[in-house]
Amino acid sequence: MTVAATKENWAVVMEAIEEFLDSINCPLKAKFQILTASEEIYVNIASYAYVGKTGEADIELGFDEAAGVVSISFTDSGVPYNPLEKEDADTTLSAEERKIGGLGILMVKKSMDDIKYEYSGGKNHLQLIKKCC
C-alpha cells in the first residue's frame, strides 16, 4: 500500500496491518508489539522524512508461514535516516536527566526480532521482522 505520509493516515495503515495480522491469526502480544513498532516507524516518517512537505510512504506486509515470521516494510523517499544508528536512550537516567527522543526506536529494537535498514535508489527502506506463530 502507498499512502501520503501524514500522521492522519496512520489510522488507514494501522487498519491494514491489523487486518493482515488477524488474517494470519497472529497472537495478541505479538500483534500489539508489531502495531506499536509500526506506529513508531510510520509516525517518524510522517513527522521527519519530508521536512516541510508531504511525501509518500510505501508499506509492504509479508508472512513466511513456514517460519511463522511477519515482516512489515516501510519505504520513503525522504531525507536519508537510519534510526538503527541512533544512540539508544539511557533508561538508567531519570526522566529529567534523559535527552529527549530515542525511547521509541529503543522500544522498536527491543520488541522486534530483527530490524533491517538500507538506503538505496534514493529511498529509505526499513523492515520490521517478528516471529508471530
C-alpha atoms as a PDB file:
ATOM      1  CA  MET A   1       0.000   0.000   0.000  1.00  0.00           C
ATOM      2  CA  THR A   2       1.115   3.545  -0.676  1.00  0.00           C
ATOM      3  CA  VAL A   3      -0.235   6.466   1.349  1.00  0.00           C
ATOM      4  CA  ALA A   4       0.536  10.137   1.766  1.00  0.00           C
ATOM      5  CA  ALA A   5       2.942  10.188   4.714  1.00  0.00           C
ATOM      6  CA  THR A   6       0.735  12.131   7.103  1.00  0.00           C
ATOM      7  CA  LYS A   7       0.012  11.409  10.742  1.00  0.00           C
ATOM      8  CA  GLU A   8      -3.685  11.274   9.890  1.00  0.00           C
ATOM      9  CA  ASN A   9      -3.084   8.307   7.583  1.00  0.00           C
ATOM     10  CA  TRP A  10      -1.752   6.195  10.446  1.00  0.00           C
ATOM     11  CA  ALA A  11      -5.345   5.024  11.044  1.00  0.00           C
ATOM     12  CA  VAL A  12      -5.517   3.654   7.478  1.00  0.00           C
ATOM     13  CA  VAL A  13      -2.128   1.964   7.781  1.00  0.00           C
ATOM     14  CA  MET A  14      -2.960   0.549  11.226  1.00  0.00           C
ATOM     15  CA  GLU A  15      -6.239  -0.906   9.978  1.00  0.00           C
ATOM     16  CA  ALA A  16      -4.474  -2.640   7.078  1.00  0.00           C
ATOM     17  CA  ILE A  17      -1.757  -4.065   9.342  1.00  0.00           C
ATOM     18  CA  GLU A  18      -4.292  -5.166  11.936  1.00  0.00           C
ATOM     19  CA  GLU A  19      -6.458  -6.915   9.321  1.00  0.00           C
ATOM     20  CA  PHE A  20      -3.363  -8.636   7.931  1.00  0.00           C
ATOM     21  CA  LEU A  21      -2.253  -9.833  11.383  1.00  0.00           C
ATOM     22  CA  ASP A  22      -5.773 -11.068  12.154  1.00  0.00           C
ATOM     23  CA  SER A  23      -5.861 -12.970   8.854  1.00  0.00           C
ATOM     24  CA  ILE A  24      -2.795 -14.987   9.875  1.00  0.00           C
ATOM     25  CA  ASN A  25      -4.014 -15.466  13.471  1.00  0.00           C
ATOM     26  CA  CYS A  26      -1.116 -13.553  14.976  1.00  0.00           C
ATOM     27  CA  PRO A  27      -1.183 -13.866  18.788  1.00  0.00           C
ATOM     28  CA  LEU A  28      -2.337 -10.784  20.675  1.00  0.00           C
ATOM     29  CA  LYS A  29       1.036  -9.997  22.322  1.00  0.00           C
ATOM     30  CA  ALA A  30       2.957 -10.144  19.017  1.00  0.00           C
ATOM     31  CA  LYS A  31       0.168  -8.212  17.272  1.00  0.00           C
ATOM     32  CA  PHE A  32       0.386  -5.430  19.858  1.00  0.00           C
ATOM     33  CA  GLN A  33       4.194  -5.282  19.561  1.00  0.00           C
ATOM     34  CA  ILE A  34       4.043  -5.166  15.747  1.00  0.00           C
ATOM     35  CA  LEU A  35       1.369  -2.451  15.737  1.00  0.00           C
ATOM     36  CA  THR A  36       3.237  -0.351  18.305  1.00  0.00           C
ATOM     37  CA  ALA A  37       6.564  -0.661  16.456  1.00  0.00           C
ATOM     38  CA  SER A  38       4.864   0.075  13.127  1.00  0.00           C
ATOM     39  CA  GLU A  39       3.261   3.200  14.556  1.00  0.00           C
ATOM     40  CA  GLU A  40       6.642   4.460  15.784  1.00  0.00           C
ATOM     41  CA  ILE A  41       8.250   3.945  12.378  1.00  0.00           C
ATOM     42  CA  TYR A  42       5.319   5.329  10.379  1.00  0.00           C
ATOM     43  CA  VAL A  43       4.848   8.435  12.559  1.00  0.00           C
ATOM     44  CA  ASN A  44       8.591   9.150  12.324  1.00  0.00           C
ATOM     45  CA  ILE A  45       8.322   9.027   8.522  1.00  0.00           C
ATOM     46  CA  ALA A  46       5.254  11.302   8.591  1.00  0.00           C
ATOM     47  CA  SER A  47       6.945  13.714  11.016  1.00  0.00           C
ATOM     48  CA  TYR A  48      10.516  13.922   9.757  1.00  0.00           C
ATOM     49  CA  ALA A  49      11.142  12.329   6.358  1.00  0.00           C
ATOM     50  CA  TYR A  50       9.878  15.099   4.130  1.00  0.00           C
ATOM     51  CA  VAL A  51      10.833  18.269   6.068  1.00  0.00           C
ATOM     52  CA  GLY A  52       8.115  20.816   5.389  1.00  0.00           C
ATOM     53  CA  LYS A  53       6.296  18.903   2.652  1.00  0.00           C
ATOM     54  CA  THR A  54       4.277  15.731   2.280  1.00  0.00           C
ATOM     55  CA  GLY A  55       5.654  12.699   0.522  1.00  0.00           C
ATOM     56  CA  GLU A  56       4.591   9.097   0.305  1.00  0.00           C
ATOM     57  CA  ALA A  57       5.151   6.035   2.437  1.00  0.00           C
ATOM     58  CA  ASP A  58       5.021   2.540   0.966  1.00  0.00           C
ATOM     59  CA  ILE A  59       4.104  -0.254   3.356  1.00  0.00           C
ATOM     60  CA  GLU A  60       4.519  -3.903   2.415  1.00  0.00           C
ATOM     61  CA  LEU A  61       3.191  -6.734   4.566  1.00  0.00           C
ATOM     62  CA  GLY A  62       4.679 -10.203   4.428  1.00  0.00           C
ATOM     63  CA  PHE A  63       4.301 -13.542   6.174  1.00  0.00           C
ATOM     64  CA  ASP A  64       6.583 -16.538   5.908  1.00  0.00           C
ATOM     65  CA  GLU A  65       4.164 -19.241   7.003  1.00  0.00           C
ATOM     66  CA  ALA A  66       6.812 -21.975   7.267  1.00  0.00           C
ATOM     67  CA  ALA A  67       8.912 -19.853   9.645  1.00  0.00           C
ATOM     68  CA  GLY A  68       5.961 -18.124  11.320  1.00  0.00           C
ATOM     69  CA  VAL A  69       7.581 -14.744  10.676  1.00  0.00           C
ATOM     70  CA  VAL A  70       5.859 -11.460   9.866  1.00  0.00           C
ATOM     71  CA  SER A  71       7.648  -8.646   8.064  1.00  0.00           C
ATOM     72  CA  ILE A  72       6.450  -5.080   7.718  1.00  0.00           C
ATOM     73  CA  SER A  73       8.491  -2.967   5.308  1.00  0.00           C
ATOM     74  CA  PHE A  74       8.394   0.825   5.176  1.00  0.00           C
ATOM     75  CA  THR A  75       9.843   2.751   2.236  1.00  0.00           C
ATOM     76  CA  ASP A  76      10.010   6.518   1.776  1.00  0.00           C
ATOM     77  CA  SER A  77      11.850   8.971  -0.466  1.00  0.00           C
ATOM     78  CA  GLY A  78      12.572  11.374   2.358  1.00  0.00           C
ATOM     79  CA  VAL A  79      15.777  12.513   3.980  1.00  0.00           C
ATOM     80  CA  PRO A  80      18.189   9.571   4.412  1.00  0.00           C
ATOM     81  CA  TYR A  81      17.882   8.399   8.009  1.00  0.00           C
ATOM     82  CA  ASN A  82      18.864   5.132   9.640  1.00  0.00           C
ATOM     83  CA  PRO A  83      17.128   5.006  13.028  1.00  0.00           C
ATOM     84  CA  LEU A  84      19.222   1.973  13.991  1.00  0.00           C
ATOM     85  CA  GLU A  85      22.299   4.216  14.162  1.00  0.00           C
ATOM     86  CA  LYS A  86      20.652   6.472  16.753  1.00  0.00           C
ATOM     87  CA  GLU A  87      22.198   6.008  20.167  1.00  0.00           C
ATOM     88  CA  ASP A  88      19.861   4.121  22.487  1.00  0.00           C
ATOM     89  CA  ALA A  89      18.186   6.200  25.165  1.00  0.00           C
ATOM     90  CA  ASP A  90      19.798   5.729  28.566  1.00  0.00           C
ATOM     91  CA  THR A  91      16.927   4.300  30.574  1.00  0.00           C
ATOM     92  CA  THR A  92      19.042   4.256  33.733  1.00  0.00           C
ATOM     93  CA  LEU A  93      18.746   8.054  33.935  1.00  0.00           C
ATOM     94  CA  SER A  94      15.738   9.814  35.425  1.00  0.00           C
ATOM     95  CA  ALA A  95      13.256  11.418  33.032  1.00  0.00           C
ATOM     96  CA  GLU A  96      14.684  14.837  33.915  1.00  0.00           C
ATOM     97  CA  GLU A  97      18.270  13.756  33.125  1.00  0.00           C
ATOM     98  CA  ARG A  98      17.478  11.890  29.920  1.00  0.00           C
ATOM     99  CA  LYS A  99      17.802  13.510  26.486  1.00  0.00           C
ATOM    100  CA  ILE A 100      14.572  13.964  24.573  1.00  0.00           C
ATOM    101  CA  GLY A 101      13.951  11.316  21.925  1.00  0.00           C
ATOM    102  CA  GLY A 102      15.201   7.818  21.357  1.00  0.00           C
ATOM    103  CA  LEU A 103      12.787   5.886  23.557  1.00  0.00           C
ATOM    104  CA  GLY A 104      10.511   4.951  20.660  1.00  0.00           C
ATOM    105  CA  ILE A 105      13.219   3.411  18.496  1.00  0.00           C
ATOM    106  CA  LEU A 106      14.663   1.656  21.564  1.00  0.00           C
ATOM    107  CA  MET A 107      11.237   0.098  22.146  1.00  0.00           C
ATOM    108  CA  VAL A 108      11.132  -0.972  18.482  1.00  0.00           C
ATOM    109  CA  LYS A 109      14.594  -2.555  18.761  1.00  0.00           C
ATOM    110  CA  LYS A 110      13.656  -4.453  21.910  1.00  0.00           C
ATOM    111  CA  SER A 111      10.247  -5.694  20.715  1.00  0.00           C
ATOM    112  CA  MET A 112      11.158  -6.896  17.217  1.00  0.00           C
ATOM    113  CA  ASP A 113      13.223 -10.000  16.464  1.00  0.00           C
ATOM    114  CA  ASP A 114      15.128  -8.183  13.729  1.00  0.00           C
ATOM    115  CA  ILE A 115      15.157  -4.802  12.011  1.00  0.00           C
ATOM    116  CA  LYS A 116      16.853  -4.120   8.715  1.00  0.00           C
ATOM    117  CA  TYR A 117      17.608  -0.740   7.165  1.00  0.00           C
ATOM    118  CA  GLU A 118      19.150   0.307   3.909  1.00  0.00           C
ATOM    119  CA  TYR A 119      19.235   3.444   1.825  1.00  0.00           C
ATOM    120  CA  SER A 120      19.194   2.689  -1.875  1.00  0.00           C
ATOM    121  CA  GLY A 121      17.758   4.194  -5.017  1.00  0.00           C
ATOM    122  CA  GLY A 122      17.159   7.469  -3.182  1.00  0.00           C
ATOM    123  CA  LYS A 123      14.882   5.731  -0.663  1.00  0.00           C
ATOM    124  CA  ASN A 124      14.889   4.669   2.973  1.00  0.00           C
ATOM    125  CA  HIS A 125      13.925   1.004   3.371  1.00  0.00           C
ATOM    126  CA  LEU A 126      13.202  -0.245   6.880  1.00  0.00           C
ATOM    127  CA  GLN A 127      11.898  -3.730   7.631  1.00  0.00           C
ATOM    128  CA  LEU A 128      10.477  -4.948  10.938  1.00  0.00           C
ATOM    129  CA  ILE A 129      10.644  -8.704  11.490  1.00  0.00           C
ATOM    130  CA  LYS A 130       8.757 -10.563  14.219  1.00  0.00           C
ATOM    131  CA  LYS A 131       8.163 -14.239  14.900  1.00  0.00           C
ATOM    132  CA  CYS A 132       4.424 -14.393  15.198  1.00  0.00           C
ATOM    133  CA  CYS A 133       3.352 -18.010  15.230  1.00  0.00           C
END
